Amino acid sequence: LYLSTVKLWKSLADKHGLHTPRRDDRIREKVFSEFRVLHERYEAAKSLIPPGDLVELRYEELAADPVAAVGKVYDGLGLGGW
């Protein structure tokens, strides 16, 4: 996700920016900083989500067995029909 977002920001800067950033590390630092804030806020707020309305899934679980991972989401959210 991180590398994909960096690539997105580079592409946006190239196509829509008034100038192209001289150093890729500025974009990387900005993306990393925003991801850190995003994760901190998520961790601080996730306890406010009612039980049964949130299922956390690691990418490794999804990559290893996509069918079981989606089944876990359906079960965790009480959707049934999987």
C-alpha atoms as a PDB file:
ATOM      1  CA  LEU A   1       0.000   0.000   0.000  1.00  0.00           C
ATOM      2  CA  TYR A   2       2.818   2.372   0.870  1.00  0.00           C
ATOM      3  CA  LEU A   3       4.700   1.963  -2.427  1.00  0.00           C
ATOM      4  CA  SER A   4       1.471   2.175  -4.403  1.00  0.00           C
ATOM      5  CA  THR A   5       0.558   5.446  -2.686  1.00  0.00           C
ATOM      6  CA  VAL A   6       4.030   6.881  -3.334  1.00  0.00           C
ATOM      7  CA  LYS A   7       3.644   5.970  -7.010  1.00  0.00           C
ATOM      8  CA  LEU A   8       0.204   7.622  -7.072  1.00  0.00           C
ATOM      9  CA  TRP A   9       1.547  10.866  -5.589  1.00  0.00           C
ATOM     10  CA  LYS A  10       4.437  10.906  -8.074  1.00  0.00           C
ATOM     11  CA  SER A  11       2.029  10.392 -10.944  1.00  0.00           C
ATOM     12  CA  LEU A  12      -0.281  13.142  -9.684  1.00  0.00           C
ATOM     13  CA  ALA A  13       2.653  15.530  -9.300  1.00  0.00           C
ATOM     14  CA  ASP A  14       3.839  14.777 -12.841  1.00  0.00           C
ATOM     15  CA  LYS A  15       0.429  15.221 -14.433  1.00  0.00           C
ATOM     16  CA  HIS A  16      -1.305  17.841 -12.330  1.00  0.00           C
ATOM     17  CA  GLY A  17       1.317  19.623 -10.267  1.00  0.00           C
ATOM     18  CA  LEU A  18       2.649  23.066 -10.958  1.00  0.00           C
ATOM     19  CA  HIS A  19       6.106  21.587 -10.576  1.00  0.00           C
ATOM     20  CA  THR A  20       7.608  18.164 -10.123  1.00  0.00           C
ATOM     21  CA  PRO A  21       9.163  17.591  -6.700  1.00  0.00           C
ATOM     22  CA  ARG A  22      12.923  17.495  -7.040  1.00  0.00           C
ATOM     23  CA  ARG A  23      13.375  14.700  -4.541  1.00  0.00           C
ATOM     24  CA  ASP A  24      11.381  11.493  -4.275  1.00  0.00           C
ATOM     25  CA  ASP A  25      12.224  11.275  -0.588  1.00  0.00           C
ATOM     26  CA  ARG A  26       9.911  14.232   0.111  1.00  0.00           C
ATOM     27  CA  ILE A  27       6.983  12.307  -1.305  1.00  0.00           C
ATOM     28  CA  ARG A  28       8.011   9.162   0.589  1.00  0.00           C
ATOM     29  CA  GLU A  29       8.305  11.114   3.866  1.00  0.00           C
ATOM     30  CA  LYS A  30       4.897  12.732   3.341  1.00  0.00           C
ATOM     31  CA  VAL A  31       3.194   9.411   2.583  1.00  0.00           C
ATOM     32  CA  PHE A  32       4.850   7.736   5.572  1.00  0.00           C
ATOM     33  CA  SER A  33       3.814  10.608   7.846  1.00  0.00           C
ATOM     34  CA  GLU A  34       0.207  10.471   6.651  1.00  0.00           C
ATOM     35  CA  PHE A  35       0.066   6.694   7.052  1.00  0.00           C
ATOM     36  CA  ARG A  36       1.368   7.018  10.598  1.00  0.00           C
ATOM     37  CA  VAL A  37      -1.331   9.578  11.460  1.00  0.00           C
ATOM     38  CA  LEU A  38      -3.993   7.436   9.797  1.00  0.00           C
ATOM     39  CA  HIS A  39      -3.006   4.354  11.801  1.00  0.00           C
ATOM     40  CA  GLU A  40      -2.724   6.266  15.078  1.00  0.00           C
ATOM     41  CA  ARG A  41      -6.214   7.708  14.626  1.00  0.00           C
ATOM     42  CA  TYR A  42      -7.627   4.328  13.664  1.00  0.00           C
ATOM     43  CA  GLU A  43      -6.123   2.649  16.731  1.00  0.00           C
ATOM     44  CA  ALA A  44      -7.446   5.442  18.956  1.00  0.00           C
ATOM     45  CA  ALA A  45     -10.974   5.266  17.515  1.00  0.00           C
ATOM     46  CA  LYS A  46     -11.568   1.598  16.713  1.00  0.00           C
ATOM     47  CA  SER A  47     -12.866   0.895  20.226  1.00  0.00           C
ATOM     48  CA  LEU A  48     -15.822   3.147  19.340  1.00  0.00           C
ATOM     49  CA  ILE A  49     -16.960   0.728  16.624  1.00  0.00           C
ATOM     50  CA  PRO A  50     -19.658  -1.566  17.992  1.00  0.00           C
ATOM     51  CA  PRO A  51     -18.813  -5.255  18.351  1.00  0.00           C
ATOM     52  CA  GLY A  52     -19.774  -7.135  15.224  1.00  0.00           C
ATOM     53  CA  ASP A  53     -19.229  -4.102  12.972  1.00  0.00           C
ATOM     54  CA  LEU A  54     -15.481  -4.485  12.514  1.00  0.00           C
ATOM     55  CA  VAL A  55     -13.367  -7.349  11.255  1.00  0.00           C
ATOM     56  CA  GLU A  56      -9.621  -6.893  11.047  1.00  0.00           C
ATOM     57  CA  LEU A  57      -7.825  -8.958   8.466  1.00  0.00           C
ATOM     58  CA  ARG A  58      -4.108  -9.175   7.814  1.00  0.00           C
ATOM     59  CA  TYR A  59      -2.941  -9.041   4.225  1.00  0.00           C
ATOM     60  CA  GLU A  60      -1.043 -12.281   4.797  1.00  0.00           C
ATOM     61  CA  GLU A  61      -4.313 -14.028   5.659  1.00  0.00           C
ATOM     62  CA  LEU A  62      -5.930 -12.746   2.487  1.00  0.00           C
ATOM     63  CA  ALA A  63      -2.957 -13.657   0.312  1.00  0.00           C
ATOM     64  CA  ALA A  64      -2.578 -17.137   1.825  1.00  0.00           C
ATOM     65  CA  ASP A  65      -6.236 -18.177   1.553  1.00  0.00           C
ATOM     66  CA  PRO A  66      -8.560 -15.583  -0.017  1.00  0.00           C
ATOM     67  CA  VAL A  67     -11.689 -17.731   0.271  1.00  0.00           C
ATOM     68  CA  ALA A  68     -11.175 -18.388   3.989  1.00  0.00           C
ATOM     69  CA  ALA A  69     -10.307 -14.721   4.572  1.00  0.00           C
ATOM     70  CA  VAL A  70     -13.504 -13.470   2.950  1.00  0.00           C
ATOM     71  CA  GLY A  71     -15.414 -16.124   4.876  1.00  0.00           C
ATOM     72  CA  LYS A  72     -13.906 -14.735   8.083  1.00  0.00           C
ATOM     73  CA  VAL A  73     -15.159 -11.266   7.156  1.00  0.00           C
ATOM     74  CA  TYR A  74     -18.648 -12.536   6.376  1.00  0.00           C
ATOM     75  CA  ASP A  75     -18.763 -14.504   9.627  1.00  0.00           C
ATOM     76  CA  GLY A  76     -17.348 -11.647  11.669  1.00  0.00           C
ATOM     77  CA  LEU A  77     -19.928  -9.209  10.333  1.00  0.00           C
ATOM     78  CA  GLY A  78     -22.768 -11.715  10.605  1.00  0.00           C
ATOM     79  CA  LEU A  79     -23.554 -11.468   6.902  1.00  0.00           C
ATOM     80  CA  GLY A  80     -24.215 -15.150   6.318  1.00  0.00           C
ATOM     81  CA  GLY A  81     -24.553 -16.665   2.879  1.00  0.00           C
ATOM     82  CA  TRP A  82     -20.860 -17.256   2.298  1.00  0.00           C
END
